[in-house]
């Protein structure tokens, strides 16, 4: 579903207010949010919510997801924009790429935790996984013959990226039981399970 901004190029204040209200509600764990709640919090009517989001909360959740996705992707691109790729060894590049993806998604932890239970066509960590896999492919080329040839490289890149994303999800969920370690410690553990040909003999946080 396209937002009014996508269709006209101009922001719709009511649309944005509804999505931001939903974002606030996602931080209230266990809270069931009705369209009436959203309308009240956004300072509008139920009819106005449905006019912009015909499926109610499902459409609003999708819109919020897209906003967060754009923010994560912009953060990832900005993080790597100033990196001189020719000045770093391939393993350092790999650690940098993994760090950028993990940290960008981890910054959205409250939203990520709630959105895991939503029915959405694509999730933040899934799109971030695809981006990381895309970044890993040229790094494979730099690493050369050390990259295992048992599967095609795009498959291997997706496998490694998805593994990092799954570890990230488990780290986010660990907050539910009070067992979440600091992000820096979690990140080090990711490098420790990655193959040394990709992240080097002495994996460390970027």
Protein backbone atom coordinates (compact mmCIF):
# COMPACT_ATOMS: atom_id res chain seq x y z
CA UNK A 1 0.00 0.00 0.00
CA UNK A 2 1.47 3.35 -1.05
CA UNK A 3 1.47 6.22 1.39
CA UNK A 4 0.07 9.64 0.40
CA UNK A 5 3.67 10.89 0.39
CA UNK A 6 4.65 8.23 -2.16
CA UNK A 7 1.69 9.13 -4.37
CA UNK A 8 1.90 12.92 -4.19
CA UNK A 9 5.43 13.65 -3.02
CA UNK A 10 4.01 15.56 -0.04
CA UNK A 11 3.80 14.26 3.53
CA UNK A 12 0.34 13.63 4.94
CA UNK A 13 0.45 14.82 8.58
CA UNK A 14 -2.45 12.59 9.60
CA UNK A 15 -0.87 9.53 7.97
CA UNK A 16 2.41 10.22 9.77
CA UNK A 17 0.61 10.84 13.09
CA UNK A 18 -1.20 7.51 12.85
CA UNK A 19 1.99 5.59 12.09
CA UNK A 20 3.89 7.34 14.89
CA UNK A 21 1.05 6.57 17.31
CA UNK A 22 1.32 2.92 16.36
CA UNK A 23 5.09 3.08 16.90
CA UNK A 24 4.52 4.36 20.44
CA UNK A 25 2.04 1.59 21.15
CA UNK A 26 4.53 -1.07 20.03
CA UNK A 27 6.72 -0.08 22.96
CA UNK A 28 3.96 -1.02 25.40
CA UNK A 29 4.55 -4.78 25.49
CA UNK A 30 1.41 -6.88 25.56
CA UNK A 31 -0.89 -3.97 24.81
CA UNK A 32 -3.71 -4.72 22.37
CA UNK A 33 -4.16 -1.70 20.14
CA UNK A 34 -7.51 -0.90 18.54
CA UNK A 35 -8.17 1.42 15.64
CA UNK A 36 -9.98 3.63 18.14
CA UNK A 37 -6.79 3.81 20.24
CA UNK A 38 -4.81 4.84 17.18
CA UNK A 39 -7.33 7.46 16.15
CA UNK A 40 -7.38 9.00 19.63
CA UNK A 41 -3.59 9.01 19.95
CA UNK A 42 -3.19 10.55 16.49
CA UNK A 43 -5.85 13.18 17.11
CA UNK A 44 -8.09 11.98 14.31
CA UNK A 45 -11.15 9.76 13.71
CA UNK A 46 -11.59 6.04 13.07
CA UNK A 47 -12.92 6.96 9.62
CA UNK A 48 -9.72 8.89 8.93
CA UNK A 49 -7.60 5.89 9.96
CA UNK A 50 -9.55 3.52 7.71
CA UNK A 51 -9.45 6.01 4.84
CA UNK A 52 -5.66 5.77 4.89
CA UNK A 53 -5.32 2.19 6.13
CA UNK A 54 -8.27 0.09 4.87
CA UNK A 55 -7.13 -3.00 6.79
CA UNK A 56 -6.64 -1.08 10.00
CA UNK A 57 -3.73 -2.14 12.20
CA UNK A 58 -2.39 -4.57 9.60
CA UNK A 59 -1.83 -1.74 7.11
CA UNK A 60 -0.47 0.60 9.78
CA UNK A 61 2.01 -2.07 10.89
CA UNK A 62 3.14 -2.46 7.30
CA UNK A 63 3.62 1.28 6.94
CA UNK A 64 5.64 1.47 10.16
CA UNK A 65 7.71 -1.49 9.04
CA UNK A 66 8.51 0.31 5.78
CA UNK A 67 9.54 3.47 7.64
CA UNK A 68 11.88 1.48 9.88
CA UNK A 69 13.25 -0.44 6.90
CA UNK A 70 14.11 2.79 5.11
CA UNK A 71 15.81 4.10 8.21
CA UNK A 72 17.87 0.93 8.66
CA UNK A 73 18.90 0.87 5.00
CA UNK A 74 19.85 4.57 5.04
CA UNK A 75 21.92 3.97 8.17
CA UNK A 76 23.70 1.01 6.56
CA UNK A 77 24.48 2.93 3.39
CA UNK A 78 25.72 5.96 5.36
CA UNK A 79 27.96 3.77 7.55
CA UNK A 80 29.79 2.36 4.55
CA UNK A 81 29.80 5.56 2.48
CA UNK A 82 32.90 6.91 4.15
CA UNK A 83 34.87 3.66 4.18
CA UNK A 84 37.85 3.37 1.85
CA UNK A 85 37.28 -0.17 0.66
CA UNK A 86 40.68 -0.35 -1.00
CA UNK A 87 42.49 0.40 2.25
CA UNK A 88 41.14 -2.53 4.25
CA UNK A 89 41.88 -6.26 3.98
CA UNK A 90 38.90 -8.42 2.92
CA UNK A 91 38.37 -9.84 6.42
CA UNK A 92 38.20 -6.33 7.91
CA UNK A 93 35.68 -5.39 5.24
CA UNK A 94 33.58 -8.43 6.13
CA UNK A 95 33.59 -7.54 9.82
CA UNK A 96 32.67 -3.97 8.94
CA UNK A 97 29.74 -5.07 6.79
CA UNK A 98 28.47 -7.44 9.49
CA UNK A 99 28.84 -4.75 12.15
CA UNK A 100 26.90 -2.20 10.10
CA UNK A 101 23.96 -4.56 9.59
CA UNK A 102 23.83 -5.86 13.17
CA UNK A 103 24.11 -2.43 14.78
CA UNK A 104 21.59 -0.77 12.44
CA UNK A 105 18.95 -3.41 13.17
CA UNK A 106 19.80 -3.61 16.89
CA UNK A 107 19.10 0.12 17.23
CA UNK A 108 15.48 -0.70 16.42
CA UNK A 109 15.23 -3.35 19.13
CA UNK A 110 11.86 -2.32 20.68
CA UNK A 111 10.20 -2.24 17.27
CA UNK A 112 11.95 -5.45 16.18
CA UNK A 113 10.73 -7.35 19.22
CA UNK A 114 7.11 -6.41 18.68
CA UNK A 115 7.15 -6.80 14.90
CA UNK A 116 8.33 -10.42 15.11
CA UNK A 117 4.75 -11.33 15.99
CA UNK A 118 3.13 -9.38 13.15
CA UNK A 119 2.02 -10.91 9.88
CA UNK A 120 4.05 -8.99 7.34
CA UNK A 121 5.32 -9.93 3.85
CA UNK A 122 8.90 -8.94 4.73
CA UNK A 123 10.66 -8.09 7.96
CA UNK A 124 13.47 -5.69 8.79
CA UNK A 125 16.02 -8.40 9.51
CA UNK A 126 15.12 -10.26 6.31
CA UNK A 127 15.79 -7.24 4.11
CA UNK A 128 18.95 -6.48 6.07
CA UNK A 129 20.01 -10.09 5.48
CA UNK A 130 19.67 -9.61 1.74
CA UNK A 131 21.73 -6.42 1.92
CA UNK A 132 24.49 -8.13 3.89
CA UNK A 133 24.56 -11.02 1.42
CA UNK A 134 24.92 -8.50 -1.41
CA UNK A 135 27.85 -6.84 0.37
CA UNK A 136 29.57 -10.17 1.06
CA UNK A 137 29.74 -11.23 -2.58
CA UNK A 138 32.43 -8.75 -3.72
CA UNK A 139 34.31 -9.48 -0.50
CA UNK A 140 34.33 -13.15 -1.51
CA UNK A 141 35.98 -12.09 -4.77
CA UNK A 142 38.70 -10.30 -2.81
CA UNK A 143 39.27 -13.30 -0.56
CA UNK A 144 39.63 -15.54 -3.60
CA UNK A 145 40.40 -19.24 -3.40
CA UNK A 146 39.91 -19.45 0.36
CA UNK A 147 36.15 -19.22 -0.18
CA UNK A 148 34.74 -22.78 -0.18
CA UNK A 149 33.41 -23.85 -3.56
CA UNK A 150 30.99 -26.50 -2.30
CA UNK A 151 28.04 -24.22 -3.11
CA UNK A 152 27.58 -21.23 -5.34
CA UNK A 153 28.77 -17.99 -3.78
CA UNK A 154 25.36 -16.25 -3.73
CA UNK A 155 23.99 -19.22 -1.78
CA UNK A 156 26.91 -19.12 0.63
CA UNK A 157 26.55 -15.36 1.14
CA UNK A 158 22.85 -15.75 1.93
CA UNK A 159 23.57 -18.63 4.31
CA UNK A 160 26.12 -16.64 6.29
CA UNK A 161 24.03 -13.47 6.33
CA UNK A 162 20.93 -15.38 7.46
CA UNK A 163 22.92 -17.03 10.23
CA UNK A 164 24.05 -13.64 11.54
CA UNK A 165 20.46 -12.38 11.36
CA UNK A 166 19.14 -15.40 13.28
CA UNK A 167 21.71 -14.83 16.03
CA UNK A 168 20.57 -11.20 16.17
CA UNK A 169 16.93 -12.24 16.58
CA UNK A 170 17.86 -14.62 19.39
CA UNK A 171 19.79 -11.80 21.08
CA UNK A 172 16.75 -9.52 20.83
CA UNK A 173 14.46 -12.23 22.26
CA UNK A 174 16.87 -12.87 25.14
CA UNK A 175 15.77 -9.55 26.63
CA UNK A 176 12.43 -11.21 27.46
CA UNK A 177 14.12 -13.46 30.02
CA UNK A 178 16.57 -10.89 31.34
CA UNK A 179 19.53 -12.74 29.85
CA UNK A 180 20.54 -10.25 27.18
CA UNK A 181 24.26 -9.53 27.07
CA UNK A 182 25.61 -6.12 25.95
CA UNK A 183 25.58 -5.61 22.19
CA UNK A 184 29.40 -5.53 22.00
CA UNK A 185 29.62 -8.96 23.64
CA UNK A 186 26.93 -10.33 21.35
CA UNK A 187 28.74 -8.96 18.30
CA UNK A 188 31.97 -10.65 19.33
CA UNK A 189 30.12 -13.95 19.62
CA UNK A 190 28.89 -13.56 16.03
CA UNK A 191 32.44 -13.15 14.74
CA UNK A 192 33.51 -16.18 16.76
CA UNK A 193 31.09 -18.48 14.93
CA UNK A 194 31.81 -17.02 11.50
CA UNK A 195 34.42 -18.84 9.36
CA UNK A 196 37.95 -17.53 9.81
CA UNK A 197 38.46 -17.21 6.07
CA UNK A 198 35.72 -14.55 6.17
CA UNK A 199 36.41 -12.61 9.40
CA UNK A 200 40.05 -13.45 10.11
CA UNK A 201 41.93 -15.48 12.66
CA UNK A 202 41.25 -13.10 15.54
CA UNK A 203 37.61 -11.95 15.19
CA UNK A 204 36.87 -8.77 17.07
CA UNK A 205 34.17 -6.14 17.19
CA UNK A 206 34.46 -3.52 14.47
